[in-house]
């Protein structure tokens, strides 16, 4: 396979386009850190934050695809993923994971000592998530912890400490991710039960899982609202959160226990809009 085609296959394997889910929240964390510090980051700091984000997510997704290759091969929905289908070999996937991990560590080293010291902890949770479905239904929350590292890590990168706004935003991301990952797991509910895998939908059923996802997203909104007390945020930020509420309501209207046909629109489109909206209105309020 030509080099560019192989690179494209690797990026498709890790769903690189889905970086939009967590990437804007990393930039939101950087914006909050800038407001509290009353100092905007340098262009180089932003570049290293972005590279750390790309490295962490790419390593996590690549590792997940490697570890789950056997399960994916047995699941009709995922049997055509790149490793089971033979488009990407395990060796190529491992090289990709090693390179992505190296990028994360390099970026953390360039940012500050605390980022580098905490990077092994982030990697530990990335590995843990890939195995969670084998022994706990709480894998959705572990995935939320992994993505919550994006805004918290960006805050640490700029300030060298861990402040309450970063933690509040991180918990908001945790509940947001756990909620939409429950939606995503609905499509594998029957397979998970047959394969002995764990998820909240396979344990609770579709209707109860959807109600739990709704609760998680309500908690997310409340946490985001509490950030309005950060100096520099006000009406514009609140308008953004109101728009996020509207997007979440629409997302939940797309999915029901009886009809999962619009799950892709709820999962991919709405959540991309939500993360971008939070960042855009946070940045706009900070600038204004």
C-alpha atoms as a PDB file:
ATOM      1  CA  UNK A   1       0.000   0.000   0.000  1.00  0.00           C
ATOM      2  CA  UNK A   2       1.411   3.466  -0.908  1.00  0.00           C
ATOM      3  CA  UNK A   3       2.641   5.588   1.996  1.00  0.00           C
ATOM      4  CA  UNK A   4      -0.116   8.201   1.804  1.00  0.00           C
ATOM      5  CA  UNK A   5      -2.779   5.517   1.584  1.00  0.00           C
ATOM      6  CA  UNK A   6      -1.310   3.828   4.670  1.00  0.00           C
ATOM      7  CA  UNK A   7      -1.282   7.112   6.601  1.00  0.00           C
ATOM      8  CA  UNK A   8      -4.887   7.687   5.600  1.00  0.00           C
ATOM      9  CA  UNK A   9      -5.806   4.176   6.782  1.00  0.00           C
ATOM     10  CA  UNK A  10      -4.111   4.788  10.140  1.00  0.00           C
ATOM     11  CA  UNK A  11      -5.958   8.086  10.612  1.00  0.00           C
ATOM     12  CA  UNK A  12      -9.256   6.423   9.664  1.00  0.00           C
ATOM     13  CA  UNK A  13      -8.488   3.602  12.108  1.00  0.00           C
ATOM     14  CA  UNK A  14      -8.322   6.027  15.032  1.00  0.00           C
ATOM     15  CA  UNK A  15     -11.223   8.179  13.756  1.00  0.00           C
ATOM     16  CA  UNK A  16      -8.948  11.227  13.672  1.00  0.00           C
ATOM     17  CA  UNK A  17     -11.868  13.454  12.667  1.00  0.00           C
ATOM     18  CA  UNK A  18     -13.433  12.744  16.089  1.00  0.00           C
ATOM     19  CA  UNK A  19     -10.639  14.732  17.714  1.00  0.00           C
ATOM     20  CA  UNK A  20     -13.169  17.576  17.491  1.00  0.00           C
ATOM     21  CA  UNK A  21     -14.906  16.075  20.538  1.00  0.00           C
ATOM     22  CA  UNK A  22     -12.123  16.798  23.034  1.00  0.00           C
ATOM     23  CA  UNK A  23      -9.883  19.256  21.181  1.00  0.00           C
ATOM     24  CA  UNK A  24     -12.085  22.341  21.741  1.00  0.00           C
ATOM     25  CA  UNK A  25     -12.336  21.510  25.441  1.00  0.00           C
ATOM     26  CA  UNK A  26      -8.538  21.530  25.689  1.00  0.00           C
ATOM     27  CA  UNK A  27      -8.589  25.034  24.203  1.00  0.00           C
ATOM     28  CA  UNK A  28     -11.405  25.975  26.605  1.00  0.00           C
ATOM     29  CA  UNK A  29      -9.196  24.888  29.501  1.00  0.00           C
ATOM     30  CA  UNK A  30      -6.398  27.034  28.106  1.00  0.00           C
ATOM     31  CA  UNK A  31      -8.786  29.991  27.841  1.00  0.00           C
ATOM     32  CA  UNK A  32      -9.860  29.637  31.485  1.00  0.00           C
ATOM     33  CA  UNK A  33      -6.224  29.446  32.579  1.00  0.00           C
ATOM     34  CA  UNK A  34      -5.523  32.625  30.614  1.00  0.00           C
ATOM     35  CA  UNK A  35      -8.434  34.451  32.254  1.00  0.00           C
ATOM     36  CA  UNK A  36      -7.363  33.473  35.767  1.00  0.00           C
ATOM     37  CA  UNK A  37      -3.719  34.329  35.066  1.00  0.00           C
ATOM     38  CA  UNK A  38      -4.648  37.499  33.164  1.00  0.00           C
ATOM     39  CA  UNK A  39      -2.079  36.436  30.593  1.00  0.00           C
ATOM     40  CA  UNK A  40      -2.624  34.942  27.147  1.00  0.00           C
ATOM     41  CA  UNK A  41      -0.518  31.925  26.122  1.00  0.00           C
ATOM     42  CA  UNK A  42       2.197  32.162  23.523  1.00  0.00           C
ATOM     43  CA  UNK A  43       1.702  30.633  20.096  1.00  0.00           C
ATOM     44  CA  UNK A  44       4.320  28.006  20.921  1.00  0.00           C
ATOM     45  CA  UNK A  45       2.435  26.969  24.066  1.00  0.00           C
ATOM     46  CA  UNK A  46      -0.758  26.522  22.050  1.00  0.00           C
ATOM     47  CA  UNK A  47       1.112  24.455  19.466  1.00  0.00           C
ATOM     48  CA  UNK A  48       2.535  22.118  22.130  1.00  0.00           C
ATOM     49  CA  UNK A  49      -0.877  21.804  23.826  1.00  0.00           C
ATOM     50  CA  UNK A  50      -2.407  20.814  20.483  1.00  0.00           C
ATOM     51  CA  UNK A  51       0.368  18.300  19.787  1.00  0.00           C
ATOM     52  CA  UNK A  52      -0.014  16.775  23.250  1.00  0.00           C
ATOM     53  CA  UNK A  53      -3.749  16.441  22.654  1.00  0.00           C
ATOM     54  CA  UNK A  54      -3.248  14.796  19.255  1.00  0.00           C
ATOM     55  CA  UNK A  55      -0.584  12.449  20.623  1.00  0.00           C
ATOM     56  CA  UNK A  56      -2.669  11.359  23.612  1.00  0.00           C
ATOM     57  CA  UNK A  57      -5.839  10.732  21.658  1.00  0.00           C
ATOM     58  CA  UNK A  58      -4.054   8.979  18.784  1.00  0.00           C
ATOM     59  CA  UNK A  59      -2.198   6.686  21.190  1.00  0.00           C
ATOM     60  CA  UNK A  60      -5.431   5.914  23.061  1.00  0.00           C
ATOM     61  CA  UNK A  61      -7.445   5.089  19.947  1.00  0.00           C
ATOM     62  CA  UNK A  62      -4.646   3.068  18.382  1.00  0.00           C
ATOM     63  CA  UNK A  63      -4.192   1.059  21.563  1.00  0.00           C
ATOM     64  CA  UNK A  64      -7.923   0.480  21.836  1.00  0.00           C
ATOM     65  CA  UNK A  65      -8.073  -0.840  18.276  1.00  0.00           C
ATOM     66  CA  UNK A  66      -5.162  -3.234  18.968  1.00  0.00           C
ATOM     67  CA  UNK A  67      -6.546  -4.559  22.250  1.00  0.00           C
ATOM     68  CA  UNK A  68     -10.090  -4.930  20.889  1.00  0.00           C
ATOM     69  CA  UNK A  69      -9.111  -6.429  17.515  1.00  0.00           C
ATOM     70  CA  UNK A  70     -10.344  -9.891  18.477  1.00  0.00           C
ATOM     71  CA  UNK A  71     -13.636  -8.567  19.827  1.00  0.00           C
ATOM     72  CA  UNK A  72     -14.095  -6.313  16.793  1.00  0.00           C
ATOM     73  CA  UNK A  73     -13.632  -9.295  14.474  1.00  0.00           C
ATOM     74  CA  UNK A  74     -16.556 -11.127  16.143  1.00  0.00           C
ATOM     75  CA  UNK A  75     -18.894  -8.118  16.158  1.00  0.00           C
ATOM     76  CA  UNK A  76     -20.703  -7.675  12.828  1.00  0.00           C
ATOM     77  CA  UNK A  77     -20.777  -3.892  13.316  1.00  0.00           C
ATOM     78  CA  UNK A  78     -16.993  -3.628  13.741  1.00  0.00           C
ATOM     79  CA  UNK A  79     -15.700  -6.591  11.721  1.00  0.00           C
ATOM     80  CA  UNK A  80     -14.613  -4.278   8.895  1.00  0.00           C
ATOM     81  CA  UNK A  81     -12.401  -2.126  11.125  1.00  0.00           C
ATOM     82  CA  UNK A  82      -8.864  -1.820   9.827  1.00  0.00           C
ATOM     83  CA  UNK A  83      -7.022  -4.404  11.951  1.00  0.00           C
ATOM     84  CA  UNK A  84      -9.649  -7.210  11.693  1.00  0.00           C
ATOM     85  CA  UNK A  85     -10.023  -6.462   7.978  1.00  0.00           C
ATOM     86  CA  UNK A  86      -6.256  -6.550   7.426  1.00  0.00           C
ATOM     87  CA  UNK A  87      -5.990  -2.988   6.112  1.00  0.00           C
ATOM     88  CA  UNK A  88      -3.623  -2.128   8.975  1.00  0.00           C
ATOM     89  CA  UNK A  89      -1.358  -4.756  10.554  1.00  0.00           C
ATOM     90  CA  UNK A  90      -0.837  -5.071  14.309  1.00  0.00           C
ATOM     91  CA  UNK A  91       2.815  -4.115  13.819  1.00  0.00           C
ATOM     92  CA  UNK A  92       1.862  -0.934  11.968  1.00  0.00           C
ATOM     93  CA  UNK A  93      -0.695  -0.086  14.645  1.00  0.00           C
ATOM     94  CA  UNK A  94       1.878  -0.592  17.409  1.00  0.00           C
ATOM     95  CA  UNK A  95       4.396   1.645  15.625  1.00  0.00           C
ATOM     96  CA  UNK A  96       1.672   4.279  15.365  1.00  0.00           C
ATOM     97  CA  UNK A  97       0.904   4.001  19.089  1.00  0.00           C
ATOM     98  CA  UNK A  98       4.586   4.265  20.025  1.00  0.00           C
ATOM     99  CA  UNK A  99       5.016   7.333  17.810  1.00  0.00           C
ATOM    100  CA  UNK A 100       1.887   8.979  19.228  1.00  0.00           C
ATOM    101  CA  UNK A 101       3.027   8.294  22.799  1.00  0.00           C
ATOM    102  CA  UNK A 102       6.419   9.795  22.013  1.00  0.00           C
ATOM    103  CA  UNK A 103       4.679  12.901  20.657  1.00  0.00           C
ATOM    104  CA  UNK A 104       2.664  13.234  23.882  1.00  0.00           C
ATOM    105  CA  UNK A 105       5.765  12.900  26.073  1.00  0.00           C
ATOM    106  CA  UNK A 106       7.738  15.348  23.939  1.00  0.00           C
ATOM    107  CA  UNK A 107       4.947  17.932  24.102  1.00  0.00           C
ATOM    108  CA  UNK A 108       4.543  17.451  27.869  1.00  0.00           C
ATOM    109  CA  UNK A 109       8.306  17.904  28.325  1.00  0.00           C
ATOM    110  CA  UNK A 110       8.225  21.121  26.301  1.00  0.00           C
ATOM    111  CA  UNK A 111       5.327  22.546  28.312  1.00  0.00           C
ATOM    112  CA  UNK A 112       6.414  22.204  31.967  1.00  0.00           C
ATOM    113  CA  UNK A 113       7.698  19.645  34.511  1.00  0.00           C
ATOM    114  CA  UNK A 114       4.268  18.915  36.027  1.00  0.00           C
ATOM    115  CA  UNK A 115       2.850  18.007  32.601  1.00  0.00           C
ATOM    116  CA  UNK A 116       5.677  15.543  32.072  1.00  0.00           C
ATOM    117  CA  UNK A 117       5.309  14.071  35.563  1.00  0.00           C
ATOM    118  CA  UNK A 118       1.574  13.509  35.108  1.00  0.00           C
ATOM    119  CA  UNK A 119       1.773  12.124  31.554  1.00  0.00           C
ATOM    120  CA  UNK A 120       2.313   8.497  32.756  1.00  0.00           C
ATOM    121  CA  UNK A 121      -0.929   8.799  34.770  1.00  0.00           C
ATOM    122  CA  UNK A 122      -2.774   9.884  31.642  1.00  0.00           C
ATOM    123  CA  UNK A 123      -1.311   6.931  29.746  1.00  0.00           C
ATOM    124  CA  UNK A 124      -2.371   4.580  32.548  1.00  0.00           C
ATOM    125  CA  UNK A 125      -6.024   5.628  32.196  1.00  0.00           C
ATOM    126  CA  UNK A 126      -5.792   5.260  28.416  1.00  0.00           C
ATOM    127  CA  UNK A 127      -4.644   1.659  28.829  1.00  0.00           C
ATOM    128  CA  UNK A 128      -7.220   0.999  31.568  1.00  0.00           C
ATOM    129  CA  UNK A 129     -10.101   2.134  29.385  1.00  0.00           C
ATOM    130  CA  UNK A 130      -9.244  -0.363  26.657  1.00  0.00           C
ATOM    131  CA  UNK A 131      -9.706  -3.240  29.126  1.00  0.00           C
ATOM    132  CA  UNK A 132     -12.640  -1.870  31.153  1.00  0.00           C
ATOM    133  CA  UNK A 133     -15.453  -3.461  29.181  1.00  0.00           C
ATOM    134  CA  UNK A 134     -14.049  -6.862  30.151  1.00  0.00           C
ATOM    135  CA  UNK A 135     -14.760  -6.397  33.859  1.00  0.00           C
ATOM    136  CA  UNK A 136     -16.940  -3.318  34.576  1.00  0.00           C
ATOM    137  CA  UNK A 137     -19.957  -1.506  33.184  1.00  0.00           C
ATOM    138  CA  UNK A 138     -18.389   1.795  34.239  1.00  0.00           C
ATOM    139  CA  UNK A 139     -16.126   1.964  31.175  1.00  0.00           C
ATOM    140  CA  UNK A 140     -18.110   5.026  30.019  1.00  0.00           C
ATOM    141  CA  UNK A 141     -16.955   6.959  33.088  1.00  0.00           C
ATOM    142  CA  UNK A 142     -13.344   5.868  32.585  1.00  0.00           C
ATOM    143  CA  UNK A 143     -13.529   7.176  29.020  1.00  0.00           C
ATOM    144  CA  UNK A 144     -14.874  10.414  30.485  1.00  0.00           C
ATOM    145  CA  UNK A 145     -11.838  10.627  32.780  1.00  0.00           C
ATOM    146  CA  UNK A 146      -9.548  10.155  29.770  1.00  0.00           C
ATOM    147  CA  UNK A 147     -11.123  13.038  27.853  1.00  0.00           C
ATOM    148  CA  UNK A 148     -11.376  15.188  30.983  1.00  0.00           C
ATOM    149  CA  UNK A 149      -7.579  15.214  30.911  1.00  0.00           C
ATOM    150  CA  UNK A 150      -7.746  17.532  27.884  1.00  0.00           C
ATOM    151  CA  UNK A 151      -8.925  20.747  29.642  1.00  0.00           C
ATOM    152  CA  UNK A 152      -7.112  19.894  32.872  1.00  0.00           C
ATOM    153  CA  UNK A 153      -3.896  19.223  30.981  1.00  0.00           C
ATOM    154  CA  UNK A 154      -4.172  22.496  29.067  1.00  0.00           C
ATOM    155  CA  UNK A 155      -4.634  24.373  32.355  1.00  0.00           C
ATOM    156  CA  UNK A 156      -1.573  22.664  33.847  1.00  0.00           C
ATOM    157  CA  UNK A 157       0.408  23.433  30.702  1.00  0.00           C
ATOM    158  CA  UNK A 158      -0.154  27.170  31.133  1.00  0.00           C
ATOM    159  CA  UNK A 159      -0.137  27.531  34.923  1.00  0.00           C
ATOM    160  CA  UNK A 160       1.861  24.613  36.277  1.00  0.00           C
ATOM    161  CA  UNK A 161      -0.809  23.826  38.884  1.00  0.00           C
ATOM    162  CA  UNK A 162      -4.338  22.375  39.130  1.00  0.00           C
ATOM    163  CA  UNK A 163      -7.061  24.939  39.787  1.00  0.00           C
ATOM    164  CA  UNK A 164     -10.745  24.523  40.544  1.00  0.00           C
ATOM    165  CA  UNK A 165     -11.978  25.909  37.176  1.00  0.00           C
ATOM    166  CA  UNK A 166      -9.987  23.206  35.377  1.00  0.00           C
ATOM    167  CA  UNK A 167     -11.410  20.519  37.655  1.00  0.00           C
ATOM    168  CA  UNK A 168     -14.988  21.757  37.210  1.00  0.00           C
ATOM    169  CA  UNK A 169     -14.569  21.820  33.432  1.00  0.00           C
ATOM    170  CA  UNK A 170     -12.912  18.404  33.574  1.00  0.00           C
ATOM    171  CA  UNK A 171     -15.841  16.919  35.498  1.00  0.00           C
ATOM    172  CA  UNK A 172     -18.207  18.550  33.013  1.00  0.00           C
ATOM    173  CA  UNK A 173     -16.368  16.804  30.181  1.00  0.00           C
ATOM    174  CA  UNK A 174     -16.416  13.528  32.138  1.00  0.00           C
ATOM    175  CA  UNK A 175     -20.214  13.498  32.454  1.00  0.00           C
ATOM    176  CA  UNK A 176     -20.700  14.720  28.890  1.00  0.00           C
ATOM    177  CA  UNK A 177     -18.514  11.944  27.482  1.00  0.00           C
ATOM    178  CA  UNK A 178     -20.033   9.264  29.723  1.00  0.00           C
ATOM    179  CA  UNK A 179     -23.491  10.320  28.553  1.00  0.00           C
ATOM    180  CA  UNK A 180     -22.805  10.185  24.842  1.00  0.00           C
ATOM    181  CA  UNK A 181     -20.736   6.993  25.188  1.00  0.00           C
ATOM    182  CA  UNK A 182     -23.804   5.342  26.700  1.00  0.00           C
ATOM    183  CA  UNK A 183     -25.638   6.318  23.514  1.00  0.00           C
ATOM    184  CA  UNK A 184     -22.831   4.817  21.430  1.00  0.00           C
ATOM    185  CA  UNK A 185     -22.928   1.560  23.407  1.00  0.00           C
ATOM    186  CA  UNK A 186     -26.635   1.095  22.698  1.00  0.00           C
ATOM    187  CA  UNK A 187     -25.858  -0.279  19.245  1.00  0.00           C
ATOM    188  CA  UNK A 188     -23.738  -3.100  20.745  1.00  0.00           C
ATOM    189  CA  UNK A 189     -26.061  -3.910  23.630  1.00  0.00           C
ATOM    190  CA  UNK A 190     -27.054  -7.384  22.390  1.00  0.00           C
ATOM    191  CA  UNK A 191     -23.559  -8.311  21.244  1.00  0.00           C
ATOM    192  CA  UNK A 192     -22.065  -7.268  24.595  1.00  0.00           C
ATOM    193  CA  UNK A 193     -24.480  -9.533  26.432  1.00  0.00           C
ATOM    194  CA  UNK A 194     -23.685 -12.493  24.187  1.00  0.00           C
ATOM    195  CA  UNK A 195     -19.922 -11.890  24.380  1.00  0.00           C
ATOM    196  CA  UNK A 196     -19.880 -11.415  28.156  1.00  0.00           C
ATOM    197  CA  UNK A 197     -18.770  -7.792  27.862  1.00  0.00           C
ATOM    198  CA  UNK A 198     -19.892  -5.048  30.230  1.00  0.00           C
ATOM    199  CA  UNK A 199     -21.646  -1.772  29.491  1.00  0.00           C
ATOM    200  CA  UNK A 200     -24.440   0.180  31.098  1.00  0.00           C
ATOM    201  CA  UNK A 201     -26.864  -0.513  28.214  1.00  0.00           C
ATOM    202  CA  UNK A 202     -26.178  -4.271  28.421  1.00  0.00           C
ATOM    203  CA  UNK A 203     -26.811  -4.162  32.164  1.00  0.00           C
ATOM    204  CA  UNK A 204     -29.631  -1.614  32.452  1.00  0.00           C
ATOM    205  CA  UNK A 205     -31.362  -1.912  29.104  1.00  0.00           C
ATOM    206  CA  UNK A 206     -31.910   0.837  26.539  1.00  0.00           C
ATOM    207  CA  UNK A 207     -34.615   2.899  28.276  1.00  0.00           C
ATOM    208  CA  UNK A 208     -32.892   3.145  31.661  1.00  0.00           C
ATOM    209  CA  UNK A 209     -29.523   3.823  30.026  1.00  0.00           C
ATOM    210  CA  UNK A 210     -30.969   6.725  28.041  1.00  0.00           C
ATOM    211  CA  UNK A 211     -32.415   8.209  31.237  1.00  0.00           C
ATOM    212  CA  UNK A 212     -29.018   7.885  32.902  1.00  0.00           C
ATOM    213  CA  UNK A 213     -27.340   9.600  29.948  1.00  0.00           C
ATOM    214  CA  UNK A 214     -29.868  12.413  30.304  1.00  0.00           C
ATOM    215  CA  UNK A 215     -28.961  12.772  33.983  1.00  0.00           C
ATOM    216  CA  UNK A 216     -25.244  12.859  33.153  1.00  0.00           C
ATOM    217  CA  UNK A 217     -25.818  15.647  30.648  1.00  0.00           C
ATOM    218  CA  UNK A 218     -27.844  17.662  33.151  1.00  0.00           C
ATOM    219  CA  UNK A 219     -24.913  17.417  35.567  1.00  0.00           C
ATOM    220  CA  UNK A 220     -22.594  18.542  32.780  1.00  0.00           C
ATOM    221  CA  UNK A 221     -24.674  21.660  32.126  1.00  0.00           C
ATOM    222  CA  UNK A 222     -24.804  22.547  35.840  1.00  0.00           C
ATOM    223  CA  UNK A 223     -21.024  22.245  36.082  1.00  0.00           C
ATOM    224  CA  UNK A 224     -20.530  24.453  33.023  1.00  0.00           C
ATOM    225  CA  UNK A 225     -22.936  27.045  34.455  1.00  0.00           C
ATOM    226  CA  UNK A 226     -20.912  27.225  37.668  1.00  0.00           C
ATOM    227  CA  UNK A 227     -17.891  28.444  35.668  1.00  0.00           C
ATOM    228  CA  UNK A 228     -19.611  31.777  35.026  1.00  0.00           C
ATOM    229  CA  UNK A 229     -18.035  33.049  38.268  1.00  0.00           C
ATOM    230  CA  UNK A 230     -14.585  32.888  36.635  1.00  0.00           C
ATOM    231  CA  UNK A 231     -13.479  36.520  36.096  1.00  0.00           C
ATOM    232  CA  UNK A 232     -13.970  37.457  32.476  1.00  0.00           C
ATOM    233  CA  UNK A 233     -16.993  35.248  31.806  1.00  0.00           C
ATOM    234  CA  UNK A 234     -20.528  36.580  31.734  1.00  0.00           C
ATOM    235  CA  UNK A 235     -23.524  36.958  29.449  1.00  0.00           C
ATOM    236  CA  UNK A 236     -21.848  35.741  26.266  1.00  0.00           C
ATOM    237  CA  UNK A 237     -20.657  32.584  28.005  1.00  0.00           C
ATOM    238  CA  UNK A 238     -24.155  31.974  29.401  1.00  0.00           C
ATOM    239  CA  UNK A 239     -25.619  32.347  25.920  1.00  0.00           C
ATOM    240  CA  UNK A 240     -23.216  29.653  24.773  1.00  0.00           C
ATOM    241  CA  UNK A 241     -24.336  27.309  27.550  1.00  0.00           C
ATOM    242  CA  UNK A 242     -27.965  27.992  26.610  1.00  0.00           C
ATOM    243  CA  UNK A 243     -27.119  26.919  23.061  1.00  0.00           C
ATOM    244  CA  UNK A 244     -25.411  23.805  24.422  1.00  0.00           C
ATOM    245  CA  UNK A 245     -28.623  22.983  26.324  1.00  0.00           C
ATOM    246  CA  UNK A 246     -30.613  23.281  23.113  1.00  0.00           C
ATOM    247  CA  UNK A 247     -28.168  20.996  21.285  1.00  0.00           C
ATOM    248  CA  UNK A 248     -28.357  18.422  24.087  1.00  0.00           C
ATOM    249  CA  UNK A 249     -32.150  18.469  24.060  1.00  0.00           C
ATOM    250  CA  UNK A 250     -32.099  17.903  20.298  1.00  0.00           C
ATOM    251  CA  UNK A 251     -29.521  15.111  20.693  1.00  0.00           C
ATOM    252  CA  UNK A 252     -31.738  13.299  23.173  1.00  0.00           C
ATOM    253  CA  UNK A 253     -34.756  13.713  20.921  1.00  0.00           C
ATOM    254  CA  UNK A 254     -32.879  11.891  18.169  1.00  0.00           C
ATOM    255  CA  UNK A 255     -32.482   8.698  20.208  1.00  0.00           C
ATOM    256  CA  UNK A 256     -35.091   6.521  21.867  1.00  0.00           C
ATOM    257  CA  UNK A 257     -35.146   2.972  23.176  1.00  0.00           C
ATOM    258  CA  UNK A 258     -37.367   2.003  20.243  1.00  0.00           C
ATOM    259  CA  UNK A 259     -35.474   3.854  17.487  1.00  0.00           C
ATOM    260  CA  UNK A 260     -31.668   4.013  17.170  1.00  0.00           C
ATOM    261  CA  UNK A 261     -31.691   4.874  13.466  1.00  0.00           C
ATOM    262  CA  UNK A 262     -30.497   8.444  14.099  1.00  0.00           C
ATOM    263  CA  UNK A 263     -27.792   7.466  16.582  1.00  0.00           C
ATOM    264  CA  UNK A 264     -24.955   8.530  14.278  1.00  0.00           C
ATOM    265  CA  UNK A 265     -26.346  12.059  13.976  1.00  0.00           C
ATOM    266  CA  UNK A 266     -26.769  12.269  17.758  1.00  0.00           C
ATOM    267  CA  UNK A 267     -23.299  10.923  18.482  1.00  0.00           C
ATOM    268  CA  UNK A 268     -21.115  12.465  15.794  1.00  0.00           C
ATOM    269  CA  UNK A 269     -22.780  15.696  14.730  1.00  0.00           C
ATOM    270  CA  UNK A 270     -24.320  17.014  17.930  1.00  0.00           C
ATOM    271  CA  UNK A 271     -21.332  16.327  20.152  1.00  0.00           C
ATOM    272  CA  UNK A 272     -18.974  17.999  17.717  1.00  0.00           C
ATOM    273  CA  UNK A 273     -21.229  21.074  17.727  1.00  0.00           C
ATOM    274  CA  UNK A 274     -21.409  21.053  21.533  1.00  0.00           C
ATOM    275  CA  UNK A 275     -17.647  21.054  22.146  1.00  0.00           C
ATOM    276  CA  UNK A 276     -17.029  23.757  19.543  1.00  0.00           C
ATOM    277  CA  UNK A 277     -19.845  25.879  20.977  1.00  0.00           C
ATOM    278  CA  UNK A 278     -18.447  25.769  24.517  1.00  0.00           C
ATOM    279  CA  UNK A 279     -15.011  26.842  23.304  1.00  0.00           C
ATOM    280  CA  UNK A 280     -16.244  29.505  20.875  1.00  0.00           C
ATOM    281  CA  UNK A 281     -18.441  31.296  23.404  1.00  0.00           C
ATOM    282  CA  UNK A 282     -15.845  30.989  26.188  1.00  0.00           C
ATOM    283  CA  UNK A 283     -13.179  32.517  23.961  1.00  0.00           C
ATOM    284  CA  UNK A 284     -15.531  35.201  22.628  1.00  0.00           C
ATOM    285  CA  UNK A 285     -16.506  36.266  26.151  1.00  0.00           C
ATOM    286  CA  UNK A 286     -12.852  36.295  27.220  1.00  0.00           C
ATOM    287  CA  UNK A 287     -11.843  38.447  24.254  1.00  0.00           C
ATOM    288  CA  UNK A 288     -14.784  40.852  24.555  1.00  0.00           C
END
